Amino acid sequence: MTKKLATLFATATALLLAASPTTVAAQRVGTRTAIDYAGGGGIRDWHAEDERSIYIMDRMGKWYHATFSHRCARLPNSGTVYFETDALGRFDDFSQVHTSWGTCQVESIVRSHAPAAKGGRRAG
């Protein structure tokens, strides 16, 4: 009976992990993911690498690297940005970053190491 219970537990665990790929994927650097609970203060810091990408730190201190579908004009010079999430507060491939100079559409987001130069600014 113990072996059967262990097999059942292993199967249930595998199914749970398969059902929530973001949780597993978010642990591996370079894996495409999303930031859960990014809305309402879930983004703690950010650092614009250039006009094509941005590093984002969540409230747990994990870093992500988002690239944009087009150039995000003057992003490195923006003092404040607004991260638009979906209705559940997720920041993902369909999200946008708003600056005082325009809107930047996210193309992809991956789990990342901290940026080399962490001159980030507080999320607005």
N, C-alpha and C. Protein backbone atom coordinates (compact mmCIF):
# COMPACT_ATOMS: atom_id res chain seq x y z
N MET A 1 0.81 -1.20 0.00
CA MET A 1 0.00 0.00 0.00
C MET A 1 0.85 1.26 0.00
N THR A 2 1.99 1.26 0.68
CA THR A 2 2.86 2.42 0.76
C THR A 2 3.43 2.76 -0.62
N LYS A 3 3.82 1.75 -1.37
CA LYS A 3 4.36 1.98 -2.71
C LYS A 3 3.31 2.58 -3.63
N LYS A 4 2.07 2.11 -3.50
CA LYS A 4 0.97 2.63 -4.31
C LYS A 4 0.69 4.09 -3.96
N LEU A 5 0.74 4.41 -2.67
CA LEU A 5 0.53 5.78 -2.22
C LEU A 5 1.64 6.71 -2.71
N ALA A 6 2.88 6.23 -2.68
CA ALA A 6 4.02 7.02 -3.16
C ALA A 6 3.89 7.29 -4.66
N THR A 7 3.45 6.30 -5.41
CA THR A 7 3.25 6.46 -6.86
C THR A 7 2.14 7.47 -7.13
N LEU A 8 1.06 7.36 -6.37
CA LEU A 8 -0.05 8.31 -6.52
C LEU A 8 0.40 9.73 -6.21
N PHE A 9 1.16 9.90 -5.13
CA PHE A 9 1.68 11.21 -4.76
C PHE A 9 2.60 11.77 -5.84
N ALA A 10 3.49 10.95 -6.39
CA ALA A 10 4.40 11.40 -7.45
C ALA A 10 3.63 11.81 -8.69
N THR A 11 2.60 11.07 -9.04
CA THR A 11 1.78 11.40 -10.21
C THR A 11 1.04 12.72 -9.99
N ALA A 12 0.46 12.89 -8.80
CA ALA A 12 -0.27 14.13 -8.49
C ALA A 12 0.67 15.33 -8.52
N THR A 13 1.88 15.17 -8.00
CA THR A 13 2.87 16.25 -8.01
C THR A 13 3.24 16.62 -9.44
N ALA A 14 3.46 15.62 -10.28
CA ALA A 14 3.82 15.87 -11.68
C ALA A 14 2.70 16.60 -12.39
N LEU A 15 1.47 16.22 -12.13
CA LEU A 15 0.32 16.89 -12.76
C LEU A 15 0.21 18.35 -12.30
N LEU A 16 0.44 18.60 -11.03
CA LEU A 16 0.40 19.97 -10.53
C LEU A 16 1.48 20.83 -11.16
N LEU A 17 2.66 20.28 -11.27
CA LEU A 17 3.75 21.04 -11.89
C LEU A 17 3.49 21.30 -13.36
N ALA A 18 2.91 20.33 -14.04
CA ALA A 18 2.59 20.51 -15.45
C ALA A 18 1.49 21.54 -15.63
N ALA A 19 0.59 21.64 -14.68
CA ALA A 19 -0.51 22.58 -14.77
C ALA A 19 -0.09 24.01 -14.51
N SER A 20 1.05 24.22 -13.87
CA SER A 20 1.51 25.57 -13.58
C SER A 20 2.94 25.77 -14.09
N PRO A 21 3.13 25.85 -15.41
CA PRO A 21 4.47 25.97 -15.97
C PRO A 21 5.19 27.24 -15.57
N THR A 22 4.47 28.32 -15.27
CA THR A 22 5.12 29.57 -14.89
C THR A 22 5.90 29.39 -13.60
N THR A 23 5.33 28.67 -12.65
CA THR A 23 5.99 28.47 -11.36
C THR A 23 7.31 27.74 -11.55
N VAL A 24 7.31 26.70 -12.35
CA VAL A 24 8.53 25.94 -12.59
C VAL A 24 9.48 26.73 -13.47
N ALA A 25 8.96 27.32 -14.55
CA ALA A 25 9.81 28.03 -15.50
C ALA A 25 10.45 29.26 -14.88
N ALA A 26 9.75 29.91 -13.96
CA ALA A 26 10.28 31.13 -13.36
C ALA A 26 11.54 30.87 -12.55
N GLN A 27 11.81 29.64 -12.21
CA GLN A 27 12.97 29.31 -11.42
C GLN A 27 14.24 29.22 -12.27
N ARG A 28 14.12 28.99 -13.55
CA ARG A 28 15.28 28.81 -14.42
C ARG A 28 15.59 30.08 -15.22
N VAL A 29 16.81 30.54 -15.10
CA VAL A 29 17.24 31.73 -15.83
C VAL A 29 17.21 31.43 -17.33
N GLY A 30 16.70 32.37 -18.11
CA GLY A 30 16.64 32.22 -19.56
C GLY A 30 15.37 31.57 -20.06
N THR A 31 14.50 31.14 -19.17
CA THR A 31 13.25 30.51 -19.56
C THR A 31 12.16 31.55 -19.69
N ARG A 32 11.42 31.45 -20.77
CA ARG A 32 10.31 32.38 -20.99
C ARG A 32 9.27 32.21 -19.89
N THR A 33 8.77 33.32 -19.36
CA THR A 33 7.88 33.25 -18.20
C THR A 33 7.01 34.49 -18.13
N ALA A 34 6.40 34.72 -17.00
CA ALA A 34 5.60 35.91 -16.71
C ALA A 34 5.83 36.25 -15.24
N ILE A 35 5.51 37.48 -14.87
CA ILE A 35 5.60 37.87 -13.47
C ILE A 35 4.19 37.84 -12.91
N ASP A 36 3.93 36.86 -12.06
CA ASP A 36 2.63 36.76 -11.40
C ASP A 36 2.53 37.83 -10.32
N TYR A 37 1.35 38.33 -10.09
CA TYR A 37 1.07 39.33 -9.05
C TYR A 37 1.90 40.61 -9.22
N ALA A 38 2.18 40.99 -10.47
CA ALA A 38 2.96 42.20 -10.74
C ALA A 38 2.15 43.47 -10.46
N GLY A 39 0.85 43.39 -10.63
CA GLY A 39 0.00 44.55 -10.37
C GLY A 39 -0.07 44.87 -8.89
N GLY A 40 -0.36 46.10 -8.57
CA GLY A 40 -0.54 46.50 -7.18
C GLY A 40 0.71 46.42 -6.33
N GLY A 41 1.84 46.83 -6.88
CA GLY A 41 3.07 46.85 -6.09
C GLY A 41 3.94 45.61 -6.21
N GLY A 42 3.63 44.73 -7.12
CA GLY A 42 4.40 43.50 -7.29
C GLY A 42 5.72 43.68 -8.01
N ILE A 43 5.93 44.84 -8.60
CA ILE A 43 7.22 45.15 -9.23
C ILE A 43 7.93 46.14 -8.33
N ARG A 44 9.11 45.74 -7.86
CA ARG A 44 9.83 46.55 -6.88
C ARG A 44 10.86 47.49 -7.51
N ASP A 45 11.47 47.09 -8.63
CA ASP A 45 12.54 47.89 -9.22
C ASP A 45 12.63 47.59 -10.70
N TRP A 46 13.29 48.45 -11.43
CA TRP A 46 13.53 48.22 -12.85
C TRP A 46 14.79 48.94 -13.28
N HIS A 47 15.34 48.47 -14.39
CA HIS A 47 16.54 49.07 -14.96
C HIS A 47 16.46 48.94 -16.47
N ALA A 48 16.43 50.07 -17.16
CA ALA A 48 16.39 50.04 -18.63
C ALA A 48 17.78 49.74 -19.16
N GLU A 49 17.89 48.64 -19.88
CA GLU A 49 19.17 48.27 -20.48
C GLU A 49 19.47 49.19 -21.66
N ASP A 50 18.46 49.41 -22.47
CA ASP A 50 18.53 50.27 -23.64
C ASP A 50 17.09 50.55 -24.08
N GLU A 51 16.89 50.99 -25.31
CA GLU A 51 15.53 51.28 -25.78
C GLU A 51 14.80 50.04 -26.29
N ARG A 52 15.44 48.89 -26.24
CA ARG A 52 14.81 47.64 -26.71
C ARG A 52 14.50 46.67 -25.58
N SER A 53 14.99 46.92 -24.35
CA SER A 53 14.75 45.96 -23.28
C SER A 53 14.86 46.60 -21.90
N ILE A 54 14.30 45.89 -20.92
CA ILE A 54 14.26 46.38 -19.56
C ILE A 54 14.40 45.21 -18.60
N TYR A 55 15.13 45.43 -17.50
CA TYR A 55 15.20 44.44 -16.42
C TYR A 55 14.16 44.84 -15.39
N ILE A 56 13.46 43.85 -14.84
CA ILE A 56 12.41 44.10 -13.87
C ILE A 56 12.62 43.19 -12.66
N MET A 57 12.54 43.76 -11.45
CA MET A 57 12.64 42.96 -10.24
C MET A 57 11.26 42.86 -9.59
N ASP A 58 10.84 41.64 -9.26
CA ASP A 58 9.55 41.49 -8.59
C ASP A 58 9.71 41.70 -7.09
N ARG A 59 8.62 41.65 -6.36
CA ARG A 59 8.66 41.93 -4.93
C ARG A 59 9.41 40.89 -4.12
N MET A 60 9.72 39.74 -4.73
CA MET A 60 10.49 38.69 -4.06
C MET A 60 11.99 38.83 -4.34
N GLY A 61 12.36 39.83 -5.15
CA GLY A 61 13.77 40.06 -5.47
C GLY A 61 14.27 39.29 -6.67
N LYS A 62 13.38 38.63 -7.41
CA LYS A 62 13.77 37.90 -8.62
C LYS A 62 13.78 38.86 -9.81
N TRP A 63 14.78 38.71 -10.67
CA TRP A 63 14.91 39.58 -11.84
C TRP A 63 14.38 38.90 -13.09
N TYR A 64 13.86 39.74 -14.01
CA TYR A 64 13.34 39.30 -15.30
C TYR A 64 13.88 40.25 -16.36
N HIS A 65 13.97 39.78 -17.58
CA HIS A 65 14.44 40.61 -18.70
C HIS A 65 13.35 40.61 -19.76
N ALA A 66 12.78 41.77 -20.03
CA ALA A 66 11.73 41.90 -21.03
C ALA A 66 12.28 42.63 -22.25
N THR A 67 11.95 42.14 -23.42
CA THR A 67 12.30 42.82 -24.67
C THR A 67 11.02 43.35 -25.30
N PHE A 68 11.16 44.42 -26.07
CA PHE A 68 10.02 45.06 -26.69
C PHE A 68 9.94 44.72 -28.17
N SER A 69 8.73 44.80 -28.70
CA SER A 69 8.54 44.50 -30.12
C SER A 69 9.10 45.61 -31.01
N HIS A 70 9.20 46.82 -30.48
CA HIS A 70 9.78 47.96 -31.18
C HIS A 70 10.62 48.77 -30.20
N ARG A 71 11.37 49.68 -30.74
CA ARG A 71 12.19 50.57 -29.91
C ARG A 71 11.28 51.34 -28.95
N CYS A 72 11.68 51.44 -27.71
CA CYS A 72 10.92 52.17 -26.68
C CYS A 72 11.65 53.49 -26.44
N ALA A 73 11.24 54.51 -27.18
CA ALA A 73 11.94 55.80 -27.19
C ALA A 73 12.16 56.36 -25.80
N ARG A 74 13.38 56.75 -25.55
CA ARG A 74 13.82 57.43 -24.33
C ARG A 74 13.61 56.64 -23.04
N LEU A 75 13.42 55.34 -23.12
CA LEU A 75 13.21 54.54 -21.92
C LEU A 75 14.34 54.71 -20.91
N PRO A 76 15.62 54.66 -21.32
CA PRO A 76 16.69 54.81 -20.33
C PRO A 76 16.66 56.16 -19.59
N ASN A 77 16.03 57.17 -20.18
CA ASN A 77 15.96 58.50 -19.56
C ASN A 77 14.65 58.74 -18.81
N SER A 78 13.79 57.74 -18.79
CA SER A 78 12.50 57.90 -18.11
C SER A 78 12.69 57.83 -16.60
N GLY A 79 12.14 58.77 -15.91
CA GLY A 79 12.22 58.75 -14.45
C GLY A 79 11.23 57.78 -13.84
N THR A 80 10.08 57.65 -14.48
CA THR A 80 9.03 56.78 -13.97
C THR A 80 8.39 56.05 -15.14
N VAL A 81 8.07 54.78 -14.92
CA VAL A 81 7.32 54.02 -15.91
C VAL A 81 6.14 53.37 -15.22
N TYR A 82 5.15 52.99 -16.01
CA TYR A 82 3.97 52.31 -15.51
C TYR A 82 3.90 50.96 -16.20
N PHE A 83 3.80 49.87 -15.42
CA PHE A 83 3.73 48.53 -15.96
C PHE A 83 2.26 48.11 -16.03
N GLU A 84 1.76 47.93 -17.26
CA GLU A 84 0.37 47.51 -17.44
C GLU A 84 0.29 45.99 -17.44
N THR A 85 -0.54 45.45 -16.55
CA THR A 85 -0.70 44.01 -16.43
C THR A 85 -2.08 43.59 -16.93
N ASP A 86 -2.32 42.28 -16.95
CA ASP A 86 -3.66 41.82 -17.31
C ASP A 86 -4.59 41.96 -16.11
N ALA A 87 -5.82 41.51 -16.24
CA ALA A 87 -6.81 41.66 -15.18
C ALA A 87 -6.44 40.92 -13.90
N LEU A 88 -5.60 39.89 -14.02
CA LEU A 88 -5.17 39.12 -12.85
C LEU A 88 -3.88 39.64 -12.25
N GLY A 89 -3.33 40.71 -12.83
CA GLY A 89 -2.10 41.30 -12.31
C GLY A 89 -0.83 40.66 -12.85
N ARG A 90 -0.93 39.86 -13.91
CA ARG A 90 0.25 39.23 -14.52
C ARG A 90 0.90 40.17 -15.52
N PHE A 91 2.23 40.22 -15.49
CA PHE A 91 3.00 40.96 -16.49
C PHE A 91 3.62 39.90 -17.38
N ASP A 92 3.22 39.90 -18.68
CA ASP A 92 3.66 38.85 -19.59
C ASP A 92 3.90 39.38 -20.99
N ASP A 93 3.93 38.47 -21.96
CA ASP A 93 4.21 38.83 -23.36
C ASP A 93 3.17 39.77 -23.97
N PHE A 94 2.03 39.92 -23.34
CA PHE A 94 0.98 40.78 -23.87
C PHE A 94 0.90 42.11 -23.12
N SER A 95 1.78 42.31 -22.17
CA SER A 95 1.76 43.52 -21.34
C SER A 95 2.45 44.69 -22.03
N GLN A 96 2.30 45.86 -21.43
CA GLN A 96 2.92 47.07 -21.95
C GLN A 96 3.60 47.84 -20.84
N VAL A 97 4.60 48.62 -21.24
CA VAL A 97 5.28 49.54 -20.34
C VAL A 97 4.99 50.94 -20.87
N HIS A 98 4.48 51.80 -20.01
CA HIS A 98 4.15 53.17 -20.40
C HIS A 98 5.18 54.12 -19.83
N THR A 99 5.66 55.02 -20.67
CA THR A 99 6.57 56.08 -20.24
C THR A 99 5.90 57.41 -20.57
N SER A 100 6.52 58.48 -20.18
CA SER A 100 5.95 59.79 -20.51
C SER A 100 6.06 60.08 -22.01
N TRP A 101 6.83 59.27 -22.74
CA TRP A 101 7.00 59.48 -24.18
C TRP A 101 6.24 58.48 -25.02
N GLY A 102 5.56 57.52 -24.40
CA GLY A 102 4.81 56.57 -25.20
C GLY A 102 4.62 55.21 -24.53
N THR A 103 4.10 54.29 -25.32
CA THR A 103 3.80 52.94 -24.86
C THR A 103 4.71 51.95 -25.56
N CYS A 104 5.22 51.00 -24.80
CA CYS A 104 6.13 49.99 -25.32
C CYS A 104 5.53 48.62 -25.13
N GLN A 105 5.33 47.89 -26.23
CA GLN A 105 4.72 46.57 -26.19
C GLN A 105 5.78 45.51 -25.91
N VAL A 106 5.55 44.69 -24.89
CA VAL A 106 6.47 43.61 -24.54
C VAL A 106 6.36 42.51 -25.59
N GLU A 107 7.50 42.02 -26.03
CA GLU A 107 7.54 40.91 -26.99
C GLU A 107 7.82 39.59 -26.28
N SER A 108 8.73 39.63 -25.31
CA SER A 108 9.03 38.43 -24.53
C SER A 108 9.58 38.82 -23.17
N ILE A 109 9.43 37.90 -22.23
CA ILE A 109 9.97 38.10 -20.89
C ILE A 109 10.55 36.77 -20.42
N VAL A 110 11.78 36.84 -19.91
CA VAL A 110 12.47 35.65 -19.43
C VAL A 110 13.01 35.90 -18.03
N ARG A 111 13.18 34.84 -17.27
CA ARG A 111 13.82 34.91 -15.95
C ARG A 111 15.27 35.27 -16.19
N SER A 112 15.85 36.13 -15.35
CA SER A 112 17.18 36.67 -15.58
C SER A 112 17.97 36.81 -14.29
N HIS A 113 19.27 36.98 -14.46
CA HIS A 113 20.12 37.41 -13.35
C HIS A 113 19.94 38.91 -13.22
N ALA A 114 20.40 39.49 -12.14
CA ALA A 114 20.34 40.94 -11.96
C ALA A 114 21.16 41.61 -13.06
N PRO A 115 20.77 42.81 -13.48
CA PRO A 115 21.56 43.51 -14.50
C PRO A 115 22.94 43.88 -13.95
N ALA A 116 23.90 44.01 -14.85
CA ALA A 116 25.27 44.35 -14.44
C ALA A 116 25.31 45.70 -13.73
N ALA A 117 24.60 46.69 -14.28
CA ALA A 117 24.54 48.02 -13.67
C ALA A 117 23.14 48.21 -13.14
N LYS A 118 22.95 48.03 -11.85
CA LYS A 118 21.61 48.07 -11.27
C LYS A 118 21.21 49.49 -10.87
N GLY A 119 21.29 50.42 -11.79
CA GLY A 119 20.86 51.78 -11.49
C GLY A 119 19.37 51.91 -11.68
N GLY A 120 18.62 50.96 -11.20
CA GLY A 120 17.17 50.90 -11.40
C GLY A 120 16.44 52.03 -10.71
N ARG A 121 15.22 52.19 -11.09
CA ARG A 121 14.36 53.21 -10.51
C ARG A 121 13.12 52.52 -9.99
N ARG A 122 12.48 53.10 -9.04
CA ARG A 122 11.24 52.54 -8.49
C ARG A 122 10.14 52.55 -9.54
N ALA A 123 9.36 51.50 -9.54
CA ALA A 123 8.25 51.42 -10.47
C ALA A 123 7.19 52.44 -10.07
N GLY A 124 6.57 53.07 -11.08
CA GLY A 124 5.57 54.07 -10.80
C GLY A 124 4.18 53.59 -11.00
